[in-house]
């Protein structure tokens, strides 16, 4: 299971896409996870639970999240 998801992560899914690629880039985070196929560019929106079950592994880590800002300084 893959819980620490970041924007820009490239993951390998269990089943390949019909274009033949099994690598996807994370493009949206929230209750649903948006991913884009690295082969053909197709975008898919998956519920977070389904996404975590279908991920086989992490191929490349995305950028680290921005540091929280102190708005009151």
PDB file of N, CA and C in Angstrom:
ATOM      1  N   UNK A   1       0.833  -1.178   0.000  1.00  0.00           N
ATOM      2  CA  UNK A   1       0.000   0.000   0.000  1.00  0.00           C
ATOM      3  C   UNK A   1       0.882   1.248   0.000  1.00  0.00           C
ATOM      4  N   UNK A   2       0.429   2.291  -0.663  1.00  0.00           N
ATOM      5  CA  UNK A   2       1.209   3.510  -0.872  1.00  0.00           C
ATOM      6  C   UNK A   2       0.413   4.689  -0.333  1.00  0.00           C
ATOM      7  N   UNK A   3       0.812   5.222   0.838  1.00  0.00           N
ATOM      8  CA  UNK A   3       0.036   6.269   1.497  1.00  0.00           C
ATOM      9  C   UNK A   3       0.618   7.664   1.342  1.00  0.00           C
ATOM     10  N   UNK A   4       1.933   7.797   1.257  1.00  0.00           N
ATOM     11  CA  UNK A   4       2.567   9.114   1.193  1.00  0.00           C
ATOM     12  C   UNK A   4       2.623   9.575  -0.260  1.00  0.00           C
ATOM     13  N   UNK A   5       1.557  10.199  -0.728  1.00  0.00           N
ATOM     14  CA  UNK A   5       1.429  10.595  -2.127  1.00  0.00           C
ATOM     15  C   UNK A   5       1.793  12.070  -2.263  1.00  0.00           C
ATOM     16  N   UNK A   6       2.585  12.400  -3.273  1.00  0.00           N
ATOM     17  CA  UNK A   6       2.954  13.790  -3.553  1.00  0.00           C
ATOM     18  C   UNK A   6       2.646  14.121  -5.007  1.00  0.00           C
ATOM     19  N   UNK A   7       2.433  15.398  -5.260  1.00  0.00           N
ATOM     20  CA  UNK A   7       2.271  15.857  -6.637  1.00  0.00           C
ATOM     21  C   UNK A   7       3.568  15.568  -7.393  1.00  0.00           C
ATOM     22  N   UNK A   8       3.450  15.073  -8.601  1.00  0.00           N
ATOM     23  CA  UNK A   8       4.627  14.801  -9.417  1.00  0.00           C
ATOM     24  C   UNK A   8       5.210  13.414  -9.241  1.00  0.00           C
ATOM     25  N   UNK A   9       4.716  12.641  -8.267  1.00  0.00           N
ATOM     26  CA  UNK A   9       5.183  11.261  -8.111  1.00  0.00           C
ATOM     27  C   UNK A   9       4.868  10.473  -9.376  1.00  0.00           C
ATOM     28  N   UNK A  10       5.772   9.601  -9.768  1.00  0.00           N
ATOM     29  CA  UNK A  10       5.514   8.671 -10.871  1.00  0.00           C
ATOM     30  C   UNK A  10       5.390   7.295 -10.244  1.00  0.00           C
ATOM     31  N   UNK A  11       4.226   6.669 -10.449  1.00  0.00           N
ATOM     32  CA  UNK A  11       3.946   5.374  -9.837  1.00  0.00           C
ATOM     33  C   UNK A  11       3.709   4.330 -10.917  1.00  0.00           C
ATOM     34  N   UNK A  12       3.923   3.076 -10.541  1.00  0.00           N
ATOM     35  CA  UNK A  12       3.624   1.963 -11.433  1.00  0.00           C
ATOM     36  C   UNK A  12       2.357   1.304 -10.917  1.00  0.00           C
ATOM     37  N   UNK A  13       1.373   1.163 -11.808  1.00  0.00           N
ATOM     38  CA  UNK A  13       0.105   0.546 -11.431  1.00  0.00           C
ATOM     39  C   UNK A  13       0.158  -0.953 -11.723  1.00  0.00           C
ATOM     40  N   UNK A  14      -0.718  -1.692 -11.079  1.00  0.00           N
ATOM     41  CA  UNK A  14      -0.730  -3.153 -11.246  1.00  0.00           C
ATOM     42  C   UNK A  14      -1.091  -3.579 -12.667  1.00  0.00           C
ATOM     43  N   UNK A  15      -2.077  -2.923 -13.265  1.00  0.00           N
ATOM     44  CA  UNK A  15      -2.489  -3.274 -14.626  1.00  0.00           C
ATOM     45  C   UNK A  15      -1.994  -2.211 -15.597  1.00  0.00           C
ATOM     46  N   UNK A  16      -1.441  -2.620 -16.740  1.00  0.00           N
ATOM     47  CA  UNK A  16      -0.999  -1.618 -17.724  1.00  0.00           C
ATOM     48  C   UNK A  16      -2.193  -0.940 -18.398  1.00  0.00           C
ATOM     49  N   UNK A  17      -1.986   0.282 -18.841  1.00  0.00           N
ATOM     50  CA  UNK A  17      -2.990   1.023 -19.605  1.00  0.00           C
ATOM     51  C   UNK A  17      -3.081   0.387 -20.994  1.00  0.00           C
ATOM     52  N   UNK A  18      -4.201   0.508 -21.703  1.00  0.00           N
ATOM     53  CA  UNK A  18      -4.293  -0.075 -23.049  1.00  0.00           C
ATOM     54  C   UNK A  18      -3.202   0.392 -24.021  1.00  0.00           C
ATOM     55  N   UNK A  19      -2.597   1.554 -23.763  1.00  0.00           N
ATOM     56  CA  UNK A  19      -1.511   2.022 -24.646  1.00  0.00           C
ATOM     57  C   UNK A  19      -0.219   1.246 -24.394  1.00  0.00           C
ATOM     58  N   UNK A  20      -0.159   0.462 -23.295  1.00  0.00           N
ATOM     59  CA  UNK A  20       1.013  -0.359 -23.002  1.00  0.00           C
ATOM     60  C   UNK A  20       1.846   0.130 -21.834  1.00  0.00           C
ATOM     61  N   UNK A  21       1.640   1.375 -21.412  1.00  0.00           N
ATOM     62  CA  UNK A  21       2.420   1.936 -20.308  1.00  0.00           C
ATOM     63  C   UNK A  21       1.768   1.591 -18.970  1.00  0.00           C
ATOM     64  N   UNK A  22       2.594   1.337 -17.956  1.00  0.00           N
ATOM     65  CA  UNK A  22       2.048   1.089 -16.615  1.00  0.00           C
ATOM     66  C   UNK A  22       2.519   2.159 -15.632  1.00  0.00           C
ATOM     67  N   UNK A  23       3.162   3.220 -16.152  1.00  0.00           N
ATOM     68  CA  UNK A  23       3.635   4.311 -15.296  1.00  0.00           C
ATOM     69  C   UNK A  23       2.715   5.516 -15.426  1.00  0.00           C
ATOM     70  N   UNK A  24       2.391   6.101 -14.272  1.00  0.00           N
ATOM     71  CA  UNK A  24       1.462   7.227 -14.205  1.00  0.00           C
ATOM     72  C   UNK A  24       2.040   8.315 -13.319  1.00  0.00           C
ATOM     73  N   UNK A  25       1.775   9.579 -13.657  1.00  0.00           N
ATOM     74  CA  UNK A  25       2.216  10.719 -12.857  1.00  0.00           C
ATOM     75  C   UNK A  25       1.028  11.271 -12.080  1.00  0.00           C
ATOM     76  N   UNK A  26       1.235  11.549 -10.792  1.00  0.00           N
ATOM     77  CA  UNK A  26       0.181  12.115  -9.948  1.00  0.00           C
ATOM     78  C   UNK A  26       0.059  13.598 -10.279  1.00  0.00           C
ATOM     79  N   UNK A  27      -1.157  14.027 -10.688  1.00  0.00           N
ATOM     80  CA  UNK A  27      -1.381  15.421 -11.075  1.00  0.00           C
ATOM     81  C   UNK A  27      -2.412  16.123 -10.194  1.00  0.00           C
ATOM     82  N   UNK A  28      -3.110  15.392  -9.322  1.00  0.00           N
ATOM     83  CA  UNK A  28      -4.116  15.994  -8.455  1.00  0.00           C
ATOM     84  C   UNK A  28      -4.208  15.189  -7.175  1.00  0.00           C
ATOM     85  N   UNK A  29      -4.312  15.896  -6.043  1.00  0.00           N
ATOM     86  CA  UNK A  29      -4.472  15.245  -4.747  1.00  0.00           C
ATOM     87  C   UNK A  29      -5.748  15.736  -4.089  1.00  0.00           C
ATOM     88  N   UNK A  30      -6.346  14.876  -3.306  1.00  0.00           N
ATOM     89  CA  UNK A  30      -7.576  15.202  -2.592  1.00  0.00           C
ATOM     90  C   UNK A  30      -8.257  13.898  -2.229  1.00  0.00           C
ATOM     91  N   UNK A  31      -9.588  13.944  -2.110  1.00  0.00           N
ATOM     92  CA  UNK A  31     -10.333  12.712  -1.860  1.00  0.00           C
ATOM     93  C   UNK A  31     -10.156  11.764  -3.043  1.00  0.00           C
ATOM     94  N   UNK A  32     -10.041  12.345  -4.239  1.00  0.00           N
ATOM     95  CA  UNK A  32      -9.741  11.593  -5.453  1.00  0.00           C
ATOM     96  C   UNK A  32      -8.322  11.933  -5.887  1.00  0.00           C
ATOM     97  N   UNK A  33      -7.652  10.973  -6.502  1.00  0.00           N
ATOM     98  CA  UNK A  33      -6.289  11.169  -6.991  1.00  0.00           C
ATOM     99  C   UNK A  33      -6.334  11.231  -8.511  1.00  0.00           C
ATOM    100  N   UNK A  34      -5.796  12.303  -9.070  1.00  0.00           N
ATOM    101  CA  UNK A  34      -5.718  12.443 -10.519  1.00  0.00           C
ATOM    102  C   UNK A  34      -4.366  11.950 -10.997  1.00  0.00           C
ATOM    103  N   UNK A  35      -4.367  11.090 -12.015  1.00  0.00           N
ATOM    104  CA  UNK A  35      -3.118  10.571 -12.570  1.00  0.00           C
ATOM    105  C   UNK A  35      -3.135  10.730 -14.089  1.00  0.00           C
ATOM    106  N   UNK A  36      -1.935  10.873 -14.676  1.00  0.00           N
ATOM    107  CA  UNK A  36      -1.794  11.009 -16.120  1.00  0.00           C
ATOM    108  C   UNK A  36      -0.868   9.915 -16.629  1.00  0.00           C
ATOM    109  N   UNK A  37      -1.297   9.212 -17.663  1.00  0.00           N
ATOM    110  CA  UNK A  37      -0.506   8.128 -18.248  1.00  0.00           C
ATOM    111  C   UNK A  37       0.771   8.693 -18.854  1.00  0.00           C
ATOM    112  N   UNK A  38       1.907   8.066 -18.551  1.00  0.00           N
ATOM    113  CA  UNK A  38       3.191   8.515 -19.092  1.00  0.00           C
ATOM    114  C   UNK A  38       3.346   8.147 -20.563  1.00  0.00           C
ATOM    115  N   UNK A  39       2.538   7.213 -21.044  1.00  0.00           N
ATOM    116  CA  UNK A  39       2.637   6.796 -22.437  1.00  0.00           C
ATOM    117  C   UNK A  39       1.846   7.669 -23.390  1.00  0.00           C
ATOM    118  N   UNK A  40       0.551   7.862 -23.098  1.00  0.00           N
ATOM    119  CA  UNK A  40      -0.317   8.573 -24.039  1.00  0.00           C
ATOM    120  C   UNK A  40      -0.867   9.891 -23.497  1.00  0.00           C
ATOM    121  N   UNK A  41      -0.698  10.164 -22.205  1.00  0.00           N
ATOM    122  CA  UNK A  41      -1.168  11.422 -21.636  1.00  0.00           C
ATOM    123  C   UNK A  41      -2.602  11.408 -21.145  1.00  0.00           C
ATOM    124  N   UNK A  42      -3.262  10.277 -21.217  1.00  0.00           N
ATOM    125  CA  UNK A  42      -4.654  10.166 -20.755  1.00  0.00           C
ATOM    126  C   UNK A  42      -4.729  10.458 -19.262  1.00  0.00           C
ATOM    127  N   UNK A  43      -5.737  11.248 -18.843  1.00  0.00           N
ATOM    128  CA  UNK A  43      -5.916  11.575 -17.426  1.00  0.00           C
ATOM    129  C   UNK A  43      -7.072  10.765 -16.864  1.00  0.00           C
ATOM    130  N   UNK A  44      -6.875  10.262 -15.641  1.00  0.00           N
ATOM    131  CA  UNK A  44      -7.881   9.446 -14.960  1.00  0.00           C
ATOM    132  C   UNK A  44      -7.999   9.943 -13.529  1.00  0.00           C
ATOM    133  N   UNK A  45      -9.219   9.950 -13.000  1.00  0.00           N
ATOM    134  CA  UNK A  45      -9.470  10.335 -11.620  1.00  0.00           C
ATOM    135  C   UNK A  45      -9.933   9.091 -10.866  1.00  0.00           C
ATOM    136  N   UNK A  46      -9.184   8.709  -9.815  1.00  0.00           N
ATOM    137  CA  UNK A  46      -9.507   7.516  -9.028  1.00  0.00           C
ATOM    138  C   UNK A  46      -9.786   7.902  -7.585  1.00  0.00           C
ATOM    139  N   UNK A  47     -10.748   7.250  -6.944  1.00  0.00           N
ATOM    140  CA  UNK A  47     -10.902   7.448  -5.499  1.00  0.00           C
ATOM    141  C   UNK A  47      -9.605   7.032  -4.794  1.00  0.00           C
ATOM    142  N   UNK A  48      -9.258   7.742  -3.735  1.00  0.00           N
ATOM    143  CA  UNK A  48      -7.991   7.499  -3.025  1.00  0.00           C
ATOM    144  C   UNK A  48      -7.845   6.035  -2.621  1.00  0.00           C
ATOM    145  N   UNK A  49      -8.895   5.429  -2.137  1.00  0.00           N
ATOM    146  CA  UNK A  49      -8.836   4.032  -1.691  1.00  0.00           C
ATOM    147  C   UNK A  49      -8.489   3.089  -2.850  1.00  0.00           C
ATOM    148  N   UNK A  50      -9.125   3.304  -3.988  1.00  0.00           N
ATOM    149  CA  UNK A  50      -8.849   2.475  -5.166  1.00  0.00           C
ATOM    150  C   UNK A  50      -7.416   2.704  -5.656  1.00  0.00           C
ATOM    151  N   UNK A  51      -6.969   3.961  -5.646  1.00  0.00           N
ATOM    152  CA  UNK A  51      -5.600   4.279  -6.066  1.00  0.00           C
ATOM    153  C   UNK A  51      -4.577   3.538  -5.215  1.00  0.00           C
ATOM    154  N   UNK A  52      -4.736   3.587  -3.878  1.00  0.00           N
ATOM    155  CA  UNK A  52      -3.748   2.951  -2.996  1.00  0.00           C
ATOM    156  C   UNK A  52      -3.726   1.435  -3.177  1.00  0.00           C
ATOM    157  N   UNK A  53      -4.850   0.842  -3.555  1.00  0.00           N
ATOM    158  CA  UNK A  53      -4.873  -0.609  -3.783  1.00  0.00           C
ATOM    159  C   UNK A  53      -4.230  -0.993  -5.109  1.00  0.00           C
ATOM    160  N   UNK A  54      -4.322  -0.124  -6.112  1.00  0.00           N
ATOM    161  CA  UNK A  54      -3.836  -0.470  -7.449  1.00  0.00           C
ATOM    162  C   UNK A  54      -2.374  -0.119  -7.695  1.00  0.00           C
ATOM    163  N   UNK A  55      -1.760   0.663  -6.805  1.00  0.00           N
ATOM    164  CA  UNK A  55      -0.357   1.040  -6.997  1.00  0.00           C
ATOM    165  C   UNK A  55       0.544  -0.150  -6.691  1.00  0.00           C
ATOM    166  N   UNK A  56       1.451  -0.436  -7.611  1.00  0.00           N
ATOM    167  CA  UNK A  56       2.408  -1.525  -7.417  1.00  0.00           C
ATOM    168  C   UNK A  56       3.680  -1.012  -6.758  1.00  0.00           C
ATOM    169  N   UNK A  57       4.109   0.195  -7.124  1.00  0.00           N
ATOM    170  CA  UNK A  57       5.319   0.751  -6.535  1.00  0.00           C
ATOM    171  C   UNK A  57       5.590   2.166  -7.005  1.00  0.00           C
ATOM    172  N   UNK A  58       6.547   2.783  -6.359  1.00  0.00           N
ATOM    173  CA  UNK A  58       6.961   4.144  -6.682  1.00  0.00           C
ATOM    174  C   UNK A  58       8.145   4.093  -7.642  1.00  0.00           C
ATOM    175  N   UNK A  59       8.045   4.788  -8.767  1.00  0.00           N
ATOM    176  CA  UNK A  59       9.122   4.823  -9.750  1.00  0.00           C
ATOM    177  C   UNK A  59      10.034   6.015  -9.479  1.00  0.00           C
ATOM    178  N   UNK A  60       9.430   7.191  -9.294  1.00  0.00           N
ATOM    179  CA  UNK A  60      10.200   8.411  -9.054  1.00  0.00           C
ATOM    180  C   UNK A  60       9.412   9.320  -8.119  1.00  0.00           C
ATOM    181  N   UNK A  61      10.112   9.914  -7.170  1.00  0.00           N
ATOM    182  CA  UNK A  61       9.492  10.792  -6.179  1.00  0.00           C
ATOM    183  C   UNK A  61       9.291  12.186  -6.759  1.00  0.00           C
ATOM    184  N   UNK A  62       8.155  12.800  -6.464  1.00  0.00           N
ATOM    185  CA  UNK A  62       7.883  14.161  -6.902  1.00  0.00           C
ATOM    186  C   UNK A  62       8.551  15.177  -6.000  1.00  0.00           C
ATOM    187  N   UNK A  63       8.280  16.437  -6.259  1.00  0.00           N
ATOM    188  CA  UNK A  63       8.850  17.515  -5.452  1.00  0.00           C
ATOM    189  C   UNK A  63       8.315  17.451  -4.029  1.00  0.00           C
ATOM    190  N   UNK A  64       9.150  17.809  -3.037  1.00  0.00           N
ATOM    191  CA  UNK A  64       8.654  17.832  -1.661  1.00  0.00           C
ATOM    192  C   UNK A  64       7.616  18.935  -1.501  1.00  0.00           C
ATOM    193  N   UNK A  65       6.669  18.761  -0.591  1.00  0.00           N
ATOM    194  CA  UNK A  65       5.649  19.797  -0.400  1.00  0.00           C
ATOM    195  C   UNK A  65       6.289  21.085   0.104  1.00  0.00           C
ATOM    196  N   UNK A  66       5.662  22.210  -0.219  1.00  0.00           N
ATOM    197  CA  UNK A  66       6.163  23.509   0.240  1.00  0.00           C
ATOM    198  C   UNK A  66       6.135  23.578   1.756  1.00  0.00           C
ATOM    199  N   UNK A  67       7.074  24.350   2.301  1.00  0.00           N
ATOM    200  CA  UNK A  67       7.111  24.556   3.748  1.00  0.00           C
ATOM    201  C   UNK A  67       5.943  25.457   4.145  1.00  0.00           C
ATOM    202  N   UNK A  68       5.285  25.162   5.265  1.00  0.00           N
ATOM    203  CA  UNK A  68       4.188  26.028   5.694  1.00  0.00           C
ATOM    204  C   UNK A  68       4.712  27.425   6.021  1.00  0.00           C
ATOM    205  N   UNK A  69       3.912  28.420   5.698  1.00  0.00           N
ATOM    206  CA  UNK A  69       4.315  29.804   5.935  1.00  0.00           C
ATOM    207  C   UNK A  69       3.715  30.305   7.235  1.00  0.00           C
ATOM    208  N   UNK A  70       4.446  31.181   7.898  1.00  0.00           N
ATOM    209  CA  UNK A  70       3.934  31.828   9.098  1.00  0.00           C
ATOM    210  C   UNK A  70       3.357  33.171   8.663  1.00  0.00           C
ATOM    211  N   UNK A  71       2.041  33.262   8.551  1.00  0.00           N
ATOM    212  CA  UNK A  71       1.383  34.452   8.027  1.00  0.00           C
ATOM    213  C   UNK A  71       1.345  35.598   9.040  1.00  0.00           C
ATOM    214  N   UNK A  72       1.667  35.339  10.299  1.00  0.00           N
ATOM    215  CA  UNK A  72       1.539  36.362  11.334  1.00  0.00           C
ATOM    216  C   UNK A  72       2.862  37.001  11.714  1.00  0.00           C
ATOM    217  N   UNK A  73       3.899  36.839  10.916  1.00  0.00           N
ATOM    218  CA  UNK A  73       5.186  37.439  11.293  1.00  0.00           C
ATOM    219  C   UNK A  73       5.429  38.733  10.555  1.00  0.00           C
TER     220      UNK A  73
END
